[in-house]
């Protein structure tokens, strides 16, 4: 019984997140780009990446190293 419940929960979790894409909304993009030096360029680039992501195309994500 325990294994059946575990299998059901695992399959439910696996299939519930299938094929979903979440992108930033416009407010979040503006909030992130407030810190940038060139705000307008940042907003335009982020919105282009959002559109590409929603269409299913690949985008480049920069990796920022953690500083201690």
Protein backbone atom coordinates (compact mmCIF):
# COMPACT_ATOMS: atom_id res chain seq x y z
CA UNK A 1 0.00 0.00 0.00
CA UNK A 2 2.85 2.33 0.87
CA UNK A 3 4.58 1.68 -2.46
CA UNK A 4 1.36 2.25 -4.38
CA UNK A 5 0.88 5.64 -2.72
CA UNK A 6 4.50 6.61 -3.35
CA UNK A 7 4.24 5.58 -7.02
CA UNK A 8 1.02 7.52 -7.48
CA UNK A 9 2.47 10.69 -5.90
CA UNK A 10 5.64 10.39 -7.97
CA UNK A 11 3.72 10.02 -11.22
CA UNK A 12 1.38 12.86 -10.31
CA UNK A 13 4.30 15.19 -9.58
CA UNK A 14 6.08 14.14 -12.76
CA UNK A 15 3.13 14.71 -15.09
CA UNK A 16 1.75 17.83 -13.41
CA UNK A 17 4.83 19.90 -14.36
CA UNK A 18 5.11 18.58 -17.89
CA UNK A 19 5.52 21.10 -20.72
CA UNK A 20 5.06 24.31 -18.73
CA UNK A 21 7.08 27.44 -19.37
CA UNK A 22 7.15 30.34 -16.98
CA UNK A 23 8.56 33.67 -18.04
CA UNK A 24 8.90 36.96 -16.21
CA UNK A 25 6.03 39.40 -16.48
CA UNK A 26 6.61 43.04 -17.45
CA UNK A 27 6.66 44.32 -13.86
CA UNK A 28 9.38 41.83 -12.87
CA UNK A 29 11.45 42.76 -15.93
CA UNK A 30 11.28 46.46 -15.06
CA UNK A 31 12.12 45.69 -11.42
CA UNK A 32 15.23 43.72 -12.45
CA UNK A 33 16.37 46.36 -14.96
CA UNK A 34 16.13 49.26 -12.49
CA UNK A 35 19.60 48.35 -11.24
CA UNK A 36 21.18 48.34 -14.70
CA UNK A 37 23.06 51.25 -16.17
CA UNK A 38 21.27 51.11 -19.54
CA UNK A 39 17.70 50.48 -18.45
CA UNK A 40 16.03 50.69 -21.86
CA UNK A 41 18.41 48.19 -23.48
CA UNK A 42 17.96 45.82 -20.57
CA UNK A 43 14.16 45.96 -20.84
CA UNK A 44 14.21 45.38 -24.62
CA UNK A 45 16.63 42.44 -24.31
CA UNK A 46 14.65 40.81 -21.51
CA UNK A 47 11.36 41.15 -23.42
CA UNK A 48 12.94 39.60 -26.53
CA UNK A 49 14.22 36.68 -24.44
CA UNK A 50 10.77 36.28 -22.90
CA UNK A 51 9.13 36.06 -26.34
CA UNK A 52 11.72 33.53 -27.56
CA UNK A 53 11.24 31.44 -24.41
CA UNK A 54 7.46 31.39 -24.82
CA UNK A 55 7.83 30.35 -28.47
CA UNK A 56 10.03 27.44 -27.40
CA UNK A 57 13.33 28.70 -28.79
CA UNK A 58 16.60 28.48 -26.90
CA UNK A 59 18.00 31.47 -25.02
CA UNK A 60 21.38 32.08 -23.43
CA UNK A 61 21.43 32.47 -19.66
CA UNK A 62 24.57 34.05 -18.21
CA UNK A 63 26.10 32.39 -15.16
CA UNK A 64 27.10 34.82 -12.42
CA UNK A 65 29.69 33.50 -10.00
CA UNK A 66 28.96 33.71 -6.30
CA UNK A 67 31.31 36.02 -4.39
CA UNK A 68 31.98 35.34 -0.73
